[in-house]
Amino acid sequence: MTAAFARGFRLHLSHGQVLDGAQYPNGWALVMDDPEWGLCSSARTIELLQAGYGGGRIEWADEAPAETGLPPTQPCTDPRHTGAIREQLGCSGPDPATT
């Protein structure tokens, strides 16, 4: 018997932030909230994890990105996301620290 592996995904939040995550064979899902410190959040199912973040769109690592019909993701304007952490969090748009 071959053990199943975790399945990678990205959770695209409505304000533009993107969180890397994984869904385990038993259904549990985890996302990296703070890559700088390694802090994570998890839930029993990926649906519960999404609900905890107010929804968002899942992009599976092993599938082509789905066409949602939604407008392009808005730039991240969270003033706490500055400098190198912006790239780690997947923020887009201008850095609030430089504007």
PDB file of N, CA and C in Angstrom:
ATOM      1  N   MET A   1       0.835  -1.176   0.000  1.00  0.00           N
ATOM      2  CA  MET A   1       0.000   0.000   0.000  1.00  0.00           C
ATOM      3  C   MET A   1       0.882   1.241   0.000  1.00  0.00           C
ATOM      4  N   THR A   2       0.563   2.222  -0.848  1.00  0.00           N
ATOM      5  CA  THR A   2       1.317   3.462  -0.929  1.00  0.00           C
ATOM      6  C   THR A   2       0.626   4.538  -0.104  1.00  0.00           C
ATOM      7  N   ALA A   3       1.396   5.204   0.723  1.00  0.00           N
ATOM      8  CA  ALA A   3       0.837   6.290   1.535  1.00  0.00           C
ATOM      9  C   ALA A   3       0.522   7.492   0.656  1.00  0.00           C
ATOM     10  N   ALA A   4      -0.590   8.148   0.928  1.00  0.00           N
ATOM     11  CA  ALA A   4      -0.975   9.350   0.179  1.00  0.00           C
ATOM     12  C   ALA A   4      -0.154  10.541   0.685  1.00  0.00           C
ATOM     13  N   PHE A   5       0.047  11.503  -0.197  1.00  0.00           N
ATOM     14  CA  PHE A   5       0.767  12.719   0.148  1.00  0.00           C
ATOM     15  C   PHE A   5      -0.207  13.868   0.353  1.00  0.00           C
ATOM     16  N   ALA A   6       0.271  14.906   1.027  1.00  0.00           N
ATOM     17  CA  ALA A   6      -0.509  16.130   1.143  1.00  0.00           C
ATOM     18  C   ALA A   6      -0.606  16.782  -0.238  1.00  0.00           C
ATOM     19  N   ARG A   7      -1.671  17.554  -0.453  1.00  0.00           N
ATOM     20  CA  ARG A   7      -1.908  18.221  -1.739  1.00  0.00           C
ATOM     21  C   ARG A   7      -1.778  19.729  -1.534  1.00  0.00           C
ATOM     22  N   GLY A   8      -0.855  20.345  -2.247  1.00  0.00           N
ATOM     23  CA  GLY A   8      -0.595  21.766  -2.093  1.00  0.00           C
ATOM     24  C   GLY A   8      -1.648  22.641  -2.753  1.00  0.00           C
ATOM     25  N   PHE A   9      -1.865  23.806  -2.164  1.00  0.00           N
ATOM     26  CA  PHE A   9      -2.792  24.780  -2.744  1.00  0.00           C
ATOM     27  C   PHE A   9      -2.397  26.187  -2.311  1.00  0.00           C
ATOM     28  N   ARG A  10      -3.022  27.161  -2.956  1.00  0.00           N
ATOM     29  CA  ARG A  10      -2.906  28.553  -2.544  1.00  0.00           C
ATOM     30  C   ARG A  10      -4.313  29.065  -2.290  1.00  0.00           C
ATOM     31  N   LEU A  11      -4.471  29.767  -1.170  1.00  0.00           N
ATOM     32  CA  LEU A  11      -5.747  30.385  -0.828  1.00  0.00           C
ATOM     33  C   LEU A  11      -5.648  31.865  -1.183  1.00  0.00           C
ATOM     34  N   HIS A  12      -6.400  32.281  -2.203  1.00  0.00           N
ATOM     35  CA  HIS A  12      -6.420  33.673  -2.652  1.00  0.00           C
ATOM     36  C   HIS A  12      -7.534  34.393  -1.893  1.00  0.00           C
ATOM     37  N   LEU A  13      -7.156  35.320  -1.020  1.00  0.00           N
ATOM     38  CA  LEU A  13      -8.137  36.049  -0.226  1.00  0.00           C
ATOM     39  C   LEU A  13      -8.685  37.236  -1.001  1.00  0.00           C
ATOM     40  N   SER A  14      -9.843  37.727  -0.596  1.00  0.00           N
ATOM     41  CA  SER A  14     -10.538  38.780  -1.340  1.00  0.00           C
ATOM     42  C   SER A  14      -9.758  40.088  -1.396  1.00  0.00           C
ATOM     43  N   HIS A  15      -8.889  40.362  -0.432  1.00  0.00           N
ATOM     44  CA  HIS A  15      -8.133  41.619  -0.436  1.00  0.00           C
ATOM     45  C   HIS A  15      -6.782  41.503  -1.156  1.00  0.00           C
ATOM     46  N   GLY A  16      -6.525  40.362  -1.766  1.00  0.00           N
ATOM     47  CA  GLY A  16      -5.322  40.209  -2.581  1.00  0.00           C
ATOM     48  C   GLY A  16      -4.222  39.370  -1.974  1.00  0.00           C
ATOM     49  N   GLN A  17      -4.272  39.102  -0.698  1.00  0.00           N
ATOM     50  CA  GLN A  17      -3.242  38.276  -0.062  1.00  0.00           C
ATOM     51  C   GLN A  17      -3.398  36.830  -0.527  1.00  0.00           C
ATOM     52  N   VAL A  18      -2.277  36.140  -0.683  1.00  0.00           N
ATOM     53  CA  VAL A  18      -2.273  34.740  -1.096  1.00  0.00           C
ATOM     54  C   VAL A  18      -1.516  33.940  -0.042  1.00  0.00           C
ATOM     55  N   LEU A  19      -2.149  32.882   0.474  1.00  0.00           N
ATOM     56  CA  LEU A  19      -1.543  32.034   1.497  1.00  0.00           C
ATOM     57  C   LEU A  19      -1.263  30.655   0.921  1.00  0.00           C
ATOM     58  N   ASP A  20      -0.060  30.132   1.136  1.00  0.00           N
ATOM     59  CA  ASP A  20       0.277  28.774   0.725  1.00  0.00           C
ATOM     60  C   ASP A  20      -0.262  27.796   1.752  1.00  0.00           C
ATOM     61  N   GLY A  21      -0.708  26.635   1.278  1.00  0.00           N
ATOM     62  CA  GLY A  21      -1.256  25.660   2.192  1.00  0.00           C
ATOM     63  C   GLY A  21      -1.159  24.245   1.655  1.00  0.00           C
ATOM     64  N   ALA A  22      -1.676  23.323   2.453  1.00  0.00           N
ATOM     65  CA  ALA A  22      -1.701  21.911   2.077  1.00  0.00           C
ATOM     66  C   ALA A  22      -2.927  21.262   2.690  1.00  0.00           C
ATOM     67  N   GLN A  23      -3.483  20.305   1.942  1.00  0.00           N
ATOM     68  CA  GLN A  23      -4.571  19.480   2.459  1.00  0.00           C
ATOM     69  C   GLN A  23      -4.027  18.071   2.640  1.00  0.00           C
ATOM     70  N   TYR A  24      -4.205  17.537   3.826  1.00  0.00           N
ATOM     71  CA  TYR A  24      -3.678  16.221   4.150  1.00  0.00           C
ATOM     72  C   TYR A  24      -4.665  15.127   3.762  1.00  0.00           C
ATOM     73  N   PRO A  25      -4.185  13.896   3.585  1.00  0.00           N
ATOM     74  CA  PRO A  25      -5.065  12.793   3.173  1.00  0.00           C
ATOM     75  C   PRO A  25      -6.271  12.586   4.089  1.00  0.00           C
ATOM     76  N   ASN A  26      -6.154  12.942   5.365  1.00  0.00           N
ATOM     77  CA  ASN A  26      -7.280  12.766   6.287  1.00  0.00           C
ATOM     78  C   ASN A  26      -8.289  13.913   6.215  1.00  0.00           C
ATOM     79  N   GLY A  27      -8.066  14.902   5.300  1.00  0.00           N
ATOM     80  CA  GLY A  27      -9.005  16.001   5.113  1.00  0.00           C
ATOM     81  C   GLY A  27      -8.595  17.307   5.764  1.00  0.00           C
ATOM     82  N   TRP A  28      -7.729  17.243   6.785  1.00  0.00           N
ATOM     83  CA  TRP A  28      -7.290  18.470   7.446  1.00  0.00           C
ATOM     84  C   TRP A  28      -6.574  19.370   6.451  1.00  0.00           C
ATOM     85  N   ALA A  29      -6.719  20.680   6.634  1.00  0.00           N
ATOM     86  CA  ALA A  29      -6.060  21.661   5.770  1.00  0.00           C
ATOM     87  C   ALA A  29      -5.313  22.668   6.638  1.00  0.00           C
ATOM     88  N   LEU A  30      -4.219  23.178   6.107  1.00  0.00           N
ATOM     89  CA  LEU A  30      -3.347  24.096   6.840  1.00  0.00           C
ATOM     90  C   LEU A  30      -2.878  25.185   5.889  1.00  0.00           C
ATOM     91  N   VAL A  31      -2.799  26.428   6.367  1.00  0.00           N
ATOM     92  CA  VAL A  31      -2.194  27.515   5.591  1.00  0.00           C
ATOM     93  C   VAL A  31      -1.136  28.208   6.429  1.00  0.00           C
ATOM     94  N   MET A  32      -0.122  28.727   5.739  1.00  0.00           N
ATOM     95  CA  MET A  32       0.956  29.476   6.382  1.00  0.00           C
ATOM     96  C   MET A  32       0.510  30.929   6.465  1.00  0.00           C
ATOM     97  N   ASP A  33       0.152  31.380   7.674  1.00  0.00           N
ATOM     98  CA  ASP A  33      -0.302  32.757   7.881  1.00  0.00           C
ATOM     99  C   ASP A  33       0.850  33.745   7.862  1.00  0.00           C
ATOM    100  N   ASP A  34       1.950  33.357   8.458  1.00  0.00           N
ATOM    101  CA  ASP A  34       3.078  34.266   8.634  1.00  0.00           C
ATOM    102  C   ASP A  34       4.374  33.525   8.305  1.00  0.00           C
ATOM    103  N   PRO A  35       4.801  33.596   7.020  1.00  0.00           N
ATOM    104  CA  PRO A  35       6.005  32.862   6.619  1.00  0.00           C
ATOM    105  C   PRO A  35       7.261  33.288   7.380  1.00  0.00           C
ATOM    106  N   GLU A  36       7.294  34.551   7.805  1.00  0.00           N
ATOM    107  CA  GLU A  36       8.482  35.041   8.521  1.00  0.00           C
ATOM    108  C   GLU A  36       8.679  34.300   9.839  1.00  0.00           C
ATOM    109  N   TRP A  37       7.590  34.013  10.547  1.00  0.00           N
ATOM    110  CA  TRP A  37       7.670  33.337  11.842  1.00  0.00           C
ATOM    111  C   TRP A  37       7.230  31.879  11.773  1.00  0.00           C
ATOM    112  N   GLY A  38       6.685  31.450  10.647  1.00  0.00           N
ATOM    113  CA  GLY A  38       6.260  30.066  10.501  1.00  0.00           C
ATOM    114  C   GLY A  38       4.942  29.749  11.175  1.00  0.00           C
ATOM    115  N   LEU A  39       4.107  30.762  11.377  1.00  0.00           N
ATOM    116  CA  LEU A  39       2.817  30.547  12.026  1.00  0.00           C
ATOM    117  C   LEU A  39       1.794  30.045  11.016  1.00  0.00           C
ATOM    118  N   CYS A  40       0.981  29.086  11.438  1.00  0.00           N
ATOM    119  CA  CYS A  40       0.012  28.451  10.549  1.00  0.00           C
ATOM    120  C   CYS A  40      -1.353  28.375  11.218  1.00  0.00           C
ATOM    121  N   SER A  41      -2.374  28.230  10.381  1.00  0.00           N
ATOM    122  CA  SER A  41      -3.738  27.953  10.854  1.00  0.00           C
ATOM    123  C   SER A  41      -4.205  26.684  10.178  1.00  0.00           C
ATOM    124  N   SER A  42      -5.035  25.917  10.880  1.00  0.00           N
ATOM    125  CA  SER A  42      -5.537  24.672  10.298  1.00  0.00           C
ATOM    126  C   SER A  42      -7.000  24.483  10.671  1.00  0.00           C
ATOM    127  N   ALA A  43      -7.654  23.604   9.924  1.00  0.00           N
ATOM    128  CA  ALA A  43      -9.053  23.269  10.176  1.00  0.00           C
ATOM    129  C   ALA A  43      -9.294  21.834   9.728  1.00  0.00           C
ATOM    130  N   ARG A  44     -10.412  21.247  10.183  1.00  0.00           N
ATOM    131  CA  ARG A  44     -10.737  19.856   9.851  1.00  0.00           C
ATOM    132  C   ARG A  44     -10.975  19.629   8.378  1.00  0.00           C
ATOM    133  N   THR A  45     -11.457  20.653   7.664  1.00  0.00           N
ATOM    134  CA  THR A  45     -11.697  20.531   6.228  1.00  0.00           C
ATOM    135  C   THR A  45     -11.235  21.814   5.545  1.00  0.00           C
ATOM    136  N   ILE A  46     -11.018  21.732   4.251  1.00  0.00           N
ATOM    137  CA  ILE A  46     -10.614  22.922   3.504  1.00  0.00           C
ATOM    138  C   ILE A  46     -11.756  23.934   3.460  1.00  0.00           C
ATOM    139  N   GLU A  47     -13.000  23.464   3.454  1.00  0.00           N
ATOM    140  CA  GLU A  47     -14.146  24.366   3.458  1.00  0.00           C
ATOM    141  C   GLU A  47     -14.213  25.174   4.759  1.00  0.00           C
ATOM    142  N   LEU A  48     -13.931  24.528   5.889  1.00  0.00           N
ATOM    143  CA  LEU A  48     -13.910  25.244   7.163  1.00  0.00           C
ATOM    144  C   LEU A  48     -12.760  26.250   7.210  1.00  0.00           C
ATOM    145  N   LEU A  49     -11.624  25.876   6.631  1.00  0.00           N
ATOM    146  CA  LEU A  49     -10.490  26.789   6.578  1.00  0.00           C
ATOM    147  C   LEU A  49     -10.845  28.023   5.747  1.00  0.00           C
ATOM    148  N   GLN A  50     -11.447  27.809   4.580  1.00  0.00           N
ATOM    149  CA  GLN A  50     -11.879  28.927   3.742  1.00  0.00           C
ATOM    150  C   GLN A  50     -12.863  29.819   4.488  1.00  0.00           C
ATOM    151  N   ALA A  51     -13.812  29.219   5.167  1.00  0.00           N
ATOM    152  CA  ALA A  51     -14.817  29.989   5.906  1.00  0.00           C
ATOM    153  C   ALA A  51     -14.161  30.848   6.981  1.00  0.00           C
ATOM    154  N   GLY A  52     -13.122  30.329   7.609  1.00  0.00           N
ATOM    155  CA  GLY A  52     -12.412  31.080   8.635  1.00  0.00           C
ATOM    156  C   GLY A  52     -11.703  32.315   8.099  1.00  0.00           C
ATOM    157  N   TYR A  53     -11.458  32.341   6.800  1.00  0.00           N
ATOM    158  CA  TYR A  53     -10.824  33.493   6.160  1.00  0.00           C
ATOM    159  C   TYR A  53     -11.838  34.304   5.357  1.00  0.00           C
ATOM    160  N   GLY A  54     -13.109  34.083   5.570  1.00  0.00           N
ATOM    161  CA  GLY A  54     -14.136  34.837   4.866  1.00  0.00           C
ATOM    162  C   GLY A  54     -14.293  34.441   3.414  1.00  0.00           C
ATOM    163  N   GLY A  55     -13.977  33.217   3.107  1.00  0.00           N
ATOM    164  CA  GLY A  55     -14.098  32.727   1.728  1.00  0.00           C
ATOM    165  C   GLY A  55     -12.747  32.701   1.048  1.00  0.00           C
ATOM    166  N   GLY A  56     -12.715  33.164  -0.170  1.00  0.00           N
ATOM    167  CA  GLY A  56     -11.476  33.106  -0.938  1.00  0.00           C
ATOM    168  C   GLY A  56     -11.557  32.008  -1.978  1.00  0.00           C
ATOM    169  N   ARG A  57     -10.553  31.988  -2.806  1.00  0.00           N
ATOM    170  CA  ARG A  57     -10.515  31.024  -3.912  1.00  0.00           C
ATOM    171  C   ARG A  57      -9.324  30.102  -3.722  1.00  0.00           C
ATOM    172  N   ILE A  58      -9.539  28.809  -3.932  1.00  0.00           N
ATOM    173  CA  ILE A  58      -8.472  27.815  -3.836  1.00  0.00           C
ATOM    174  C   ILE A  58      -7.878  27.592  -5.221  1.00  0.00           C
ATOM    175  N   GLU A  59      -6.555  27.642  -5.294  1.00  0.00           N
ATOM    176  CA  GLU A  59      -5.819  27.284  -6.513  1.00  0.00           C
ATOM    177  C   GLU A  59      -4.988  26.053  -6.168  1.00  0.00           C
ATOM    178  N   TRP A  60      -5.327  24.924  -6.748  1.00  0.00           N
ATOM    179  CA  TRP A  60      -4.609  23.679  -6.472  1.00  0.00           C
ATOM    180  C   TRP A  60      -3.304  23.652  -7.252  1.00  0.00           C
ATOM    181  N   ALA A  61      -2.252  23.162  -6.619  1.00  0.00           N
ATOM    182  CA  ALA A  61      -0.933  23.103  -7.261  1.00  0.00           C
ATOM    183  C   ALA A  61      -0.930  22.164  -8.458  1.00  0.00           C
ATOM    184  N   ASP A  62      -1.746  21.124  -8.417  1.00  0.00           N
ATOM    185  CA  ASP A  62      -1.739  20.127  -9.487  1.00  0.00           C
ATOM    186  C   ASP A  62      -2.831  20.345 -10.537  1.00  0.00           C
ATOM    187  N   GLU A  63      -3.465  21.512 -10.543  1.00  0.00           N
ATOM    188  CA  GLU A  63      -4.492  21.837 -11.532  1.00  0.00           C
ATOM    189  C   GLU A  63      -4.221  23.205 -12.132  1.00  0.00           C
ATOM    190  N   ALA A  64      -4.680  23.405 -13.347  1.00  0.00           N
ATOM    191  CA  ALA A  64      -4.567  24.719 -13.975  1.00  0.00           C
ATOM    192  C   ALA A  64      -5.461  25.691 -13.208  1.00  0.00           C
ATOM    193  N   PRO A  65      -5.056  26.954 -13.102  1.00  0.00           N
ATOM    194  CA  PRO A  65      -5.904  27.932 -12.413  1.00  0.00           C
ATOM    195  C   PRO A  65      -7.292  28.012 -13.061  1.00  0.00           C
ATOM    196  N   ALA A  66      -8.302  28.036 -12.230  1.00  0.00           N
ATOM    197  CA  ALA A  66      -9.675  28.074 -12.727  1.00  0.00           C
ATOM    198  C   ALA A  66     -10.061  29.493 -13.121  1.00  0.00           C
ATOM    199  N   GLU A  67     -10.836  29.600 -14.183  1.00  0.00           N
ATOM    200  CA  GLU A  67     -11.390  30.890 -14.573  1.00  0.00           C
ATOM    201  C   GLU A  67     -12.603  31.137 -13.680  1.00  0.00           C
ATOM    202  N   THR A  68     -12.580  32.218 -12.942  1.00  0.00           N
ATOM    203  CA  THR A  68     -13.662  32.493 -12.001  1.00  0.00           C
ATOM    204  C   THR A  68     -14.702  33.439 -12.565  1.00  0.00           C
ATOM    205  N   GLY A  69     -14.350  34.187 -13.607  1.00  0.00           N
ATOM    206  CA  GLY A  69     -15.261  35.194 -14.112  1.00  0.00           C
ATOM    207  C   GLY A  69     -15.290  36.435 -13.243  1.00  0.00           C
ATOM    208  N   LEU A  70     -14.480  36.458 -12.193  1.00  0.00           N
ATOM    209  CA  LEU A  70     -14.413  37.606 -11.291  1.00  0.00           C
ATOM    210  C   LEU A  70     -13.395  38.614 -11.811  1.00  0.00           C
ATOM    211  N   PRO A  71     -13.501  39.854 -11.386  1.00  0.00           N
ATOM    212  CA  PRO A  71     -12.499  40.831 -11.802  1.00  0.00           C
ATOM    213  C   PRO A  71     -11.132  40.463 -11.244  1.00  0.00           C
ATOM    214  N   PRO A  72     -10.061  41.020 -11.802  1.00  0.00           N
ATOM    215  CA  PRO A  72      -8.724  40.711 -11.311  1.00  0.00           C
ATOM    216  C   PRO A  72      -8.595  41.016  -9.817  1.00  0.00           C
ATOM    217  N   THR A  73      -7.723  40.292  -9.145  1.00  0.00           N
ATOM    218  CA  THR A  73      -7.489  40.481  -7.725  1.00  0.00           C
ATOM    219  C   THR A  73      -7.021  41.908  -7.460  1.00  0.00           C
ATOM    220  N   GLN A  74      -7.581  42.498  -6.428  1.00  0.00           N
ATOM    221  CA  GLN A  74      -7.208  43.861  -6.054  1.00  0.00           C
ATOM    222  C   GLN A  74      -5.858  43.844  -5.332  1.00  0.00           C
ATOM    223  N   PRO A  75      -5.090  44.934  -5.459  1.00  0.00           N
ATOM    224  CA  PRO A  75      -3.800  44.991  -4.770  1.00  0.00           C
ATOM    225  C   PRO A  75      -3.979  44.930  -3.251  1.00  0.00           C
ATOM    226  N   CYS A  76      -3.010  44.364  -2.580  1.00  0.00           N
ATOM    227  CA  CYS A  76      -3.011  44.299  -1.119  1.00  0.00           C
ATOM    228  C   CYS A  76      -2.664  45.683  -0.576  1.00  0.00           C
ATOM    229  N   THR A  77      -3.535  46.233   0.263  1.00  0.00           N
ATOM    230  CA  THR A  77      -3.294  47.564   0.835  1.00  0.00           C
ATOM    231  C   THR A  77      -3.107  47.511   2.349  1.00  0.00           C
ATOM    232  N   ASP A  78      -2.890  46.332   2.893  1.00  0.00           N
ATOM    233  CA  ASP A  78      -2.701  46.192   4.329  1.00  0.00           C
ATOM    234  C   ASP A  78      -1.409  46.908   4.721  1.00  0.00           C
ATOM    235  N   PRO A  79      -1.471  47.950   5.563  1.00  0.00           N
ATOM    236  CA  PRO A  79      -0.273  48.714   5.904  1.00  0.00           C
ATOM    237  C   PRO A  79       0.764  47.912   6.687  1.00  0.00           C
ATOM    238  N   ARG A  80       0.383  46.768   7.234  1.00  0.00           N
ATOM    239  CA  ARG A  80       1.348  45.930   7.968  1.00  0.00           C
ATOM    240  C   ARG A  80       2.218  45.115   7.023  1.00  0.00           C
ATOM    241  N   HIS A  81       1.803  44.991   5.754  1.00  0.00           N
ATOM    242  CA  HIS A  81       2.538  44.184   4.777  1.00  0.00           C
ATOM    243  C   HIS A  81       3.507  45.077   4.010  1.00  0.00           C
ATOM    244  N   THR A  82       4.711  45.224   4.544  1.00  0.00           N
ATOM    245  CA  THR A  82       5.710  46.084   3.920  1.00  0.00           C
ATOM    246  C   THR A  82       7.013  45.313   3.722  1.00  0.00           C
ATOM    247  N   GLY A  83       7.831  45.816   2.810  1.00  0.00           N
ATOM    248  CA  GLY A  83       9.157  45.254   2.589  1.00  0.00           C
ATOM    249  C   GLY A  83       9.118  43.811   2.107  1.00  0.00           C
ATOM    250  N   ALA A  84      10.065  43.014   2.585  1.00  0.00           N
ATOM    251  CA  ALA A  84      10.248  41.636   2.124  1.00  0.00           C
ATOM    252  C   ALA A  84       9.042  40.751   2.421  1.00  0.00           C
ATOM    253  N   ILE A  85       8.283  41.057   3.458  1.00  0.00           N
ATOM    254  CA  ILE A  85       7.143  40.213   3.817  1.00  0.00           C
ATOM    255  C   ILE A  85       6.076  40.233   2.724  1.00  0.00           C
ATOM    256  N   ARG A  86       6.005  41.326   1.930  1.00  0.00           N
ATOM    257  CA  ARG A  86       5.006  41.413   0.857  1.00  0.00           C
ATOM    258  C   ARG A  86       5.178  40.280  -0.147  1.00  0.00           C
ATOM    259  N   GLU A  87       6.412  40.005  -0.538  1.00  0.00           N
ATOM    260  CA  GLU A  87       6.665  38.932  -1.501  1.00  0.00           C
ATOM    261  C   GLU A  87       6.309  37.581  -0.900  1.00  0.00           C
ATOM    262  N   GLN A  88       6.665  37.374   0.363  1.00  0.00           N
ATOM    263  CA  GLN A  88       6.366  36.107   1.018  1.00  0.00           C
ATOM    264  C   GLN A  88       4.861  35.873   1.127  1.00  0.00           C
ATOM    265  N   LEU A  89       4.092  36.953   1.318  1.00  0.00           N
ATOM    266  CA  LEU A  89       2.642  36.830   1.461  1.00  0.00           C
ATOM    267  C   LEU A  89       1.916  36.850   0.123  1.00  0.00           C
ATOM    268  N   GLY A  90       2.640  37.156  -0.941  1.00  0.00           N
ATOM    269  CA  GLY A  90       2.019  37.205  -2.261  1.00  0.00           C
ATOM    270  C   GLY A  90       1.256  38.486  -2.512  1.00  0.00           C
ATOM    271  N   CYS A  91       1.614  39.563  -1.811  1.00  0.00           N
ATOM    272  CA  CYS A  91       0.924  40.839  -1.974  1.00  0.00           C
ATOM    273  C   CYS A  91       1.254  41.438  -3.328  1.00  0.00           C
ATOM    274  N   SER A  92       0.275  42.131  -3.911  1.00  0.00           N
ATOM    275  CA  SER A  92       0.496  42.826  -5.164  1.00  0.00           C
ATOM    276  C   SER A  92       0.246  44.316  -4.940  1.00  0.00           C
ATOM    277  N   GLY A  93       0.605  45.126  -5.920  1.00  0.00           N
ATOM    278  CA  GLY A  93       0.405  46.564  -5.816  1.00  0.00           C
ATOM    279  C   GLY A  93       1.565  47.230  -5.107  1.00  0.00           C
ATOM    280  N   PRO A  94       1.497  48.561  -4.946  1.00  0.00           N
ATOM    281  CA  PRO A  94       2.597  49.297  -4.335  1.00  0.00           C
ATOM    282  C   PRO A  94       2.762  48.978  -2.849  1.00  0.00           C
ATOM    283  N   ASP A  95       3.987  49.056  -2.394  1.00  0.00           N
ATOM    284  CA  ASP A  95       4.310  48.850  -0.987  1.00  0.00           C
ATOM    285  C   ASP A  95       3.852  50.084  -0.203  1.00  0.00           C
ATOM    286  N   PRO A  96       2.973  49.926   0.802  1.00  0.00           N
ATOM    287  CA  PRO A  96       2.487  51.085   1.554  1.00  0.00           C
ATOM    288  C   PRO A  96       3.622  51.877   2.215  1.00  0.00           C
ATOM    289  N   ALA A  97       4.736  51.238   2.502  1.00  0.00           N
ATOM    290  CA  ALA A  97       5.843  51.936   3.164  1.00  0.00           C
ATOM    291  C   ALA A  97       6.541  52.911   2.228  1.00  0.00           C
ATOM    292  N   THR A  98       6.382  52.731   0.914  1.00  0.00           N
ATOM    293  CA  THR A  98       7.092  53.586  -0.043  1.00  0.00           C
ATOM    294  C   THR A  98       6.162  54.558  -0.751  1.00  0.00           C
ATOM    295  N   THR A  99       4.877  54.545  -0.391  1.00  0.00           N
ATOM    296  CA  THR A  99       3.938  55.466  -1.060  1.00  0.00           C
ATOM    297  C   THR A  99       3.548  56.591  -0.163  1.00  0.00           C
TER     298      THR A  99
END
